[in-house]
């Protein structure tokens, strides 16, 4: 039946909607698929035990002989000009994903792993989290021994911490995460229950104002946190964040933790930390993170060559000739 010249069949919604909304709808479905696949992959194959963080660290260090971890922390400004052209309005998650996957392709043979600061993905909304997981999976396909760190700095009471740890470890399948210990052991313990996962506590951070809290008291608070790690962690699955800009404190904390507990060291590169001093003072299990110094390498050497060259320089600066001293 036709009423006043109007066709009785319905026009498809996608034909009527502006293209940016259609593209957003399509990408939203892709994001949902990524989350679902992430859950499925983390649950499948009960007869196959995943590698622990220590297995990955040891295998990677023996093969690559470097302590370099690259921080994949994207901003709109960090994109090379040729990738910025792919951005449509404020929808920049797709070029970001292409950029980060390109970095992985250029650098995965030079690094122990990647650290992904969740804030840089959360600011893009649900599509940003989907991009984070896509990049994570791309890294896993590139090299199964890569250590993948979720840098979320979570810290809350026990039942909230349980939800955080379930998302990070059980659902998304990261090998390690950073957390704040300020609320005490009940904020740490749900993460620690995940055997084979590395939970890294903020101890002596590289930011300029960190000392306002961490240096408080006598002995200073950061030493008490290091002692808490040593007291509560017989397995060696807790670690410490210690900035490269504090080599004296790095040595103190290493002495408290022993050689087999991991120290994540940010601050080499743009923040001014010295790689040689880090190797000297922190000898033992250690992950040295460089973010902007690598991912912005295209500014000097072009994309993607400049990124690979920057990774080569830092990988060489953090080279260990006797890996057993860092295992």
Protein backbone atom coordinates (compact mmCIF):
# COMPACT_ATOMS: atom_id res chain seq x y z
CA UNK A 1 0.00 0.00 0.00
CA UNK A 2 1.22 3.53 -0.84
CA UNK A 3 0.10 6.52 1.23
CA UNK A 4 0.38 9.98 -0.37
CA UNK A 5 3.36 9.05 -2.46
CA UNK A 6 5.43 7.59 0.43
CA UNK A 7 6.89 4.16 -0.20
CA UNK A 8 5.70 1.55 2.30
CA UNK A 9 9.17 -0.02 2.74
CA UNK A 10 11.57 1.38 5.37
CA UNK A 11 14.84 3.09 4.52
CA UNK A 12 17.84 1.60 6.34
CA UNK A 13 19.00 3.69 9.32
CA UNK A 14 22.60 3.63 8.07
CA UNK A 15 21.47 5.25 4.78
CA UNK A 16 19.89 8.18 6.62
CA UNK A 17 22.53 8.79 9.31
CA UNK A 18 25.52 11.13 8.86
CA UNK A 19 28.71 9.21 8.05
CA UNK A 20 30.49 10.09 11.32
CA UNK A 21 27.69 8.47 13.32
CA UNK A 22 27.72 5.39 11.12
CA UNK A 23 31.50 5.12 11.53
CA UNK A 24 31.16 5.49 15.29
CA UNK A 25 28.50 2.77 15.36
CA UNK A 26 30.70 0.40 13.37
CA UNK A 27 33.71 1.08 15.57
CA UNK A 28 31.62 0.62 18.72
CA UNK A 29 30.65 -2.85 17.54
CA UNK A 30 34.32 -3.56 16.83
CA UNK A 31 35.20 -2.41 20.35
CA UNK A 32 32.60 -4.75 21.86
CA UNK A 33 34.02 -7.63 19.82
CA UNK A 34 37.51 -6.82 21.12
CA UNK A 35 36.34 -6.96 24.74
CA UNK A 36 34.49 -10.23 24.14
CA UNK A 37 37.48 -11.78 22.39
CA UNK A 38 39.74 -10.62 25.22
CA UNK A 39 37.55 -12.45 27.73
CA UNK A 40 37.37 -15.59 25.60
CA UNK A 41 41.11 -15.75 25.02
CA UNK A 42 41.84 -15.35 28.72
CA UNK A 43 39.52 -18.24 29.60
CA UNK A 44 40.24 -20.79 26.88
CA UNK A 45 42.48 -23.87 27.05
CA UNK A 46 42.36 -24.95 30.68
CA UNK A 47 44.97 -27.62 29.91
CA UNK A 48 47.47 -24.97 28.75
CA UNK A 49 49.07 -22.93 31.51
CA UNK A 50 50.04 -19.38 30.46
CA UNK A 51 53.58 -18.20 30.99
CA UNK A 52 54.10 -16.38 34.28
CA UNK A 53 55.53 -12.89 34.28
CA UNK A 54 58.84 -14.32 35.49
CA UNK A 55 58.93 -16.90 32.69
CA UNK A 56 58.44 -14.13 30.13
CA UNK A 57 61.01 -11.88 31.78
CA UNK A 58 63.65 -14.62 31.95
CA UNK A 59 63.06 -15.83 28.40
CA UNK A 60 63.07 -12.31 27.01
CA UNK A 61 66.19 -11.23 28.89
CA UNK A 62 68.21 -14.27 27.85
CA UNK A 63 67.24 -13.77 24.22
CA UNK A 64 67.44 -9.98 23.90
CA UNK A 65 69.88 -9.08 26.70
CA UNK A 66 68.25 -5.72 27.41
CA UNK A 67 66.06 -4.34 30.21
CA UNK A 68 64.17 -1.93 27.96
CA UNK A 69 60.39 -1.64 28.25
CA UNK A 70 58.65 0.87 25.97
CA UNK A 71 55.75 2.91 27.32
CA UNK A 72 52.93 3.11 24.77
CA UNK A 73 51.37 6.36 25.99
CA UNK A 74 49.67 8.07 23.02
CA UNK A 75 48.36 11.62 22.75
CA UNK A 76 46.99 13.42 19.66
CA UNK A 77 50.22 15.41 19.57
CA UNK A 78 52.38 12.26 19.54
CA UNK A 79 51.03 11.07 16.18
CA UNK A 80 53.30 11.49 13.14
CA UNK A 81 51.82 13.98 10.63
CA UNK A 82 50.99 11.31 8.06
CA UNK A 83 48.90 9.43 10.64
CA UNK A 84 47.19 12.58 11.91
CA UNK A 85 45.61 12.89 8.46
CA UNK A 86 43.59 9.75 9.25
CA UNK A 87 41.89 11.47 12.19
CA UNK A 88 38.24 12.49 11.74
CA UNK A 89 37.28 15.23 14.21
CA UNK A 90 37.80 13.94 17.73
CA UNK A 91 37.77 10.30 16.63
CA UNK A 92 41.48 9.56 16.76
CA UNK A 93 41.51 6.05 18.25
CA UNK A 94 42.00 4.34 14.88
CA UNK A 95 45.15 6.25 13.84
CA UNK A 96 46.41 5.83 17.42
CA UNK A 97 45.96 2.08 17.09
CA UNK A 98 47.81 2.06 13.76
CA UNK A 99 50.59 4.18 15.27
CA UNK A 100 51.07 1.94 18.30
CA UNK A 101 50.90 -1.29 16.32
CA UNK A 102 53.50 0.20 14.00
CA UNK A 103 55.73 0.91 17.01
CA UNK A 104 55.36 -2.71 18.14
CA UNK A 105 56.29 -3.97 14.68
CA UNK A 106 59.41 -1.79 14.63
CA UNK A 107 60.59 -2.47 18.20
CA UNK A 108 59.43 -5.85 19.53
CA UNK A 109 62.78 -7.52 18.81
CA UNK A 110 64.55 -4.83 20.87
CA UNK A 111 62.47 -4.79 24.07
CA UNK A 112 61.41 -6.95 27.01
CA UNK A 113 57.86 -5.65 26.87
CA UNK A 114 55.47 -2.73 26.77
CA UNK A 115 53.81 -0.62 29.45
CA UNK A 116 50.41 0.86 28.66
CA UNK A 117 49.28 3.76 30.86
CA UNK A 118 45.50 3.42 30.96
CA UNK A 119 44.86 7.18 31.23
CA UNK A 120 45.95 7.76 27.64
CA UNK A 121 43.40 5.22 26.42
CA UNK A 122 40.58 6.10 28.83
CA UNK A 123 40.57 9.69 27.57
CA UNK A 124 39.40 8.31 24.20
CA UNK A 125 36.38 6.64 25.81
CA UNK A 126 35.30 3.02 25.24
CA UNK A 127 36.95 3.01 21.82
CA UNK A 128 40.24 3.92 23.48
CA UNK A 129 40.07 0.89 25.77
CA UNK A 130 39.27 -1.22 22.74
CA UNK A 131 42.35 0.20 21.02
CA UNK A 132 44.48 -0.64 24.06
CA UNK A 133 43.39 -4.28 23.89
CA UNK A 134 43.92 -4.45 20.12
CA UNK A 135 47.48 -3.18 20.56
CA UNK A 136 48.06 -5.66 23.40
CA UNK A 137 46.94 -8.56 21.21
CA UNK A 138 49.12 -7.31 18.36
CA UNK A 139 52.12 -7.39 20.71
CA UNK A 140 51.25 -10.92 21.86
CA UNK A 141 51.08 -12.11 18.26
CA UNK A 142 54.43 -10.43 17.49
CA UNK A 143 56.29 -12.14 20.36
CA UNK A 144 54.71 -14.38 22.99
CA UNK A 145 57.50 -13.65 25.48
CA UNK A 146 56.77 -9.90 25.67
CA UNK A 147 55.87 -8.72 29.17
CA UNK A 148 52.72 -6.56 29.01
CA UNK A 149 52.15 -4.09 31.85
CA UNK A 150 48.89 -2.27 32.60
CA UNK A 151 49.96 1.00 34.22
CA UNK A 152 46.77 1.94 36.05
CA UNK A 153 48.08 2.83 39.54
CA UNK A 154 44.86 1.50 41.08
CA UNK A 155 44.40 1.64 44.85
CA UNK A 156 41.18 1.06 46.79
CA UNK A 157 39.57 -1.05 49.53
CA UNK A 158 39.54 -4.82 49.23
CA UNK A 159 36.32 -5.56 47.34
CA UNK A 160 37.01 -2.72 44.88
CA UNK A 161 40.60 -3.92 44.49
CA UNK A 162 39.22 -7.38 43.72
CA UNK A 163 37.23 -5.95 40.81
CA UNK A 164 40.23 -4.00 39.54
CA UNK A 165 42.50 -7.05 39.69
CA UNK A 166 39.90 -9.28 38.02
CA UNK A 167 39.58 -6.86 35.10
CA UNK A 168 43.33 -6.38 34.64
CA UNK A 169 44.49 -9.96 35.15
CA UNK A 170 41.54 -12.30 34.59
CA UNK A 171 39.65 -10.51 31.82
CA UNK A 172 42.22 -8.43 29.95
CA UNK A 173 45.09 -10.82 30.61
CA UNK A 174 47.93 -8.43 31.42
CA UNK A 175 51.09 -9.85 33.00
CA UNK A 176 51.64 -7.00 35.45
CA UNK A 177 50.13 -3.83 36.83
CA UNK A 178 51.07 -0.84 38.95
CA UNK A 179 49.10 -0.02 42.11
CA UNK A 180 49.13 2.50 44.94
CA UNK A 181 49.80 0.96 48.39
CA UNK A 182 48.51 3.99 50.32
CA UNK A 183 45.41 2.16 51.62
CA UNK A 184 47.42 -0.73 53.04
CA UNK A 185 47.62 -4.47 52.53
CA UNK A 186 43.91 -5.07 51.92
CA UNK A 187 44.24 -2.90 48.79
CA UNK A 188 47.20 -5.01 47.62
CA UNK A 189 46.17 -8.55 48.57
CA UNK A 190 43.50 -9.13 45.86
CA UNK A 191 46.15 -8.45 43.21
CA UNK A 192 48.71 -10.63 45.01
CA UNK A 193 46.32 -13.59 44.98
CA UNK A 194 46.87 -13.86 41.22
CA UNK A 195 49.85 -16.23 41.23
CA UNK A 196 52.21 -15.66 38.33
CA UNK A 197 51.18 -12.02 37.91
CA UNK A 198 53.47 -9.13 38.87
CA UNK A 199 51.93 -6.41 41.04
CA UNK A 200 54.17 -3.35 41.26
CA UNK A 201 53.71 -0.90 44.15
CA UNK A 202 54.51 2.80 43.89
CA UNK A 203 57.51 3.29 46.19
CA UNK A 204 59.80 6.17 45.10
CA UNK A 205 58.43 7.76 41.98
CA UNK A 206 60.22 9.95 39.43
CA UNK A 207 57.82 12.93 39.50
CA UNK A 208 59.22 16.12 41.09
CA UNK A 209 56.74 16.37 43.98
CA UNK A 210 56.81 12.67 44.92
CA UNK A 211 59.11 13.38 47.84
CA UNK A 212 56.46 15.51 49.58
CA UNK A 213 54.84 12.25 50.71
CA UNK A 214 57.41 9.54 50.04
CA UNK A 215 60.23 11.23 51.99
CA UNK A 216 58.04 11.99 54.99
CA UNK A 217 59.06 10.60 58.39
CA UNK A 218 62.17 8.95 59.78
CA UNK A 219 62.85 6.50 58.28
CA UNK A 220 61.00 7.86 55.23
CA UNK A 221 57.70 6.36 54.12
CA UNK A 222 59.10 4.90 50.89
CA UNK A 223 61.38 2.61 52.89
CA UNK A 224 58.42 1.36 54.93
CA UNK A 225 56.61 0.45 51.71
CA UNK A 226 59.69 -1.43 50.48
CA UNK A 227 59.81 -3.28 53.80
CA UNK A 228 56.12 -4.16 53.49
CA UNK A 229 56.82 -5.76 50.10
CA UNK A 230 59.67 -7.83 51.53
CA UNK A 231 57.62 -8.88 54.57
CA UNK A 232 54.43 -9.90 52.73
CA UNK A 233 55.81 -11.43 49.54
CA UNK A 234 57.48 -14.84 49.92
CA UNK A 235 56.75 -15.73 46.26
CA UNK A 236 58.45 -12.74 44.67
CA UNK A 237 55.36 -11.56 42.78
CA UNK A 238 55.39 -8.03 44.23
CA UNK A 239 57.62 -5.31 42.84
CA UNK A 240 58.40 -1.62 43.29
CA UNK A 241 58.27 1.48 41.11
CA UNK A 242 61.49 3.45 41.68
CA UNK A 243 62.41 6.41 39.47
CA UNK A 244 65.72 6.49 37.62
CA UNK A 245 66.10 10.04 38.94
CA UNK A 246 66.71 8.59 42.45
CA UNK A 247 69.75 6.28 42.13
CA UNK A 248 70.59 6.40 45.86
CA UNK A 249 67.09 5.30 46.82
CA UNK A 250 67.15 2.68 44.06
CA UNK A 251 70.17 1.06 45.74
CA UNK A 252 68.50 1.19 49.17
CA UNK A 253 65.30 -0.37 47.87
CA UNK A 254 67.19 -3.09 46.00
CA UNK A 255 68.95 -4.03 49.22
CA UNK A 256 65.59 -4.38 50.99
CA UNK A 257 63.81 -6.29 48.21
CA UNK A 258 66.65 -8.60 47.25
CA UNK A 259 67.67 -9.50 43.71
CA UNK A 260 64.64 -11.55 42.63
CA UNK A 261 61.87 -9.00 43.22
CA UNK A 262 61.20 -6.77 40.26
CA UNK A 263 61.83 -3.04 40.17
CA UNK A 264 60.11 -1.00 37.46
CA UNK A 265 62.25 2.04 36.70
CA UNK A 266 60.70 4.97 34.81
CA UNK A 267 62.51 8.23 34.16
CA UNK A 268 65.30 7.29 31.74
CA UNK A 269 65.31 9.58 28.73
CA UNK A 270 63.17 12.74 28.77
CA UNK A 271 63.09 12.90 32.60
CA UNK A 272 66.88 12.76 32.79
CA UNK A 273 67.60 9.42 34.46
CA UNK A 274 70.95 7.82 33.62
CA UNK A 275 70.79 4.28 32.18
CA UNK A 276 74.30 3.28 33.32
CA UNK A 277 73.61 4.39 36.89
CA UNK A 278 70.34 2.45 36.91
CA UNK A 279 72.14 -0.74 35.85
CA UNK A 280 74.76 -0.22 38.54
CA UNK A 281 72.48 0.63 41.47
CA UNK A 282 69.52 -1.62 40.67
CA UNK A 283 71.19 -4.89 39.71
CA UNK A 284 68.63 -7.68 39.93
CA UNK A 285 65.25 -8.25 38.30
CA UNK A 286 64.48 -4.92 36.67
CA UNK A 287 62.34 -3.36 33.95
CA UNK A 288 63.45 0.05 32.69
CA UNK A 289 60.70 2.04 31.01
CA UNK A 290 61.21 4.64 28.28
CA UNK A 291 58.11 6.24 26.79
CA UNK A 292 58.50 9.55 24.97
CA UNK A 293 62.17 8.93 24.23
CA UNK A 294 61.13 6.10 21.92
CA UNK A 295 57.61 6.77 20.67
CA UNK A 296 58.48 10.34 19.66
CA UNK A 297 61.61 9.21 17.83
CA UNK A 298 59.90 10.03 14.53
CA UNK A 299 60.43 13.74 15.27
CA UNK A 300 64.16 13.34 14.61
CA UNK A 301 64.32 10.39 12.26
CA UNK A 302 60.94 10.26 10.56
CA UNK A 303 58.21 7.64 10.78
CA UNK A 304 58.72 4.76 11.38
CA UNK A 305 62.52 4.69 11.03
CA UNK A 306 63.13 7.25 13.78
CA UNK A 307 61.18 5.21 16.33
CA UNK A 308 63.20 2.08 15.59
CA UNK A 309 66.48 3.99 15.80
CA UNK A 310 65.48 5.46 19.17
CA UNK A 311 64.55 2.00 20.46
CA UNK A 312 67.93 0.68 19.28
CA UNK A 313 69.77 3.39 21.21
CA UNK A 314 67.93 2.78 24.47
CA UNK A 315 68.06 -0.99 24.05
CA UNK A 316 71.84 -0.74 23.68
CA UNK A 317 72.14 1.64 26.65
CA UNK A 318 70.26 -0.90 28.79
CA UNK A 319 72.09 -3.94 27.45
CA UNK A 320 73.18 -6.54 30.02
CA UNK A 321 76.20 -8.66 29.12
CA UNK A 322 75.60 -11.10 31.99
CA UNK A 323 71.83 -11.70 32.12
CA UNK A 324 72.12 -14.03 35.12
CA UNK A 325 72.97 -10.98 37.26
CA UNK A 326 69.51 -9.56 36.48
CA UNK A 327 67.44 -12.75 36.88
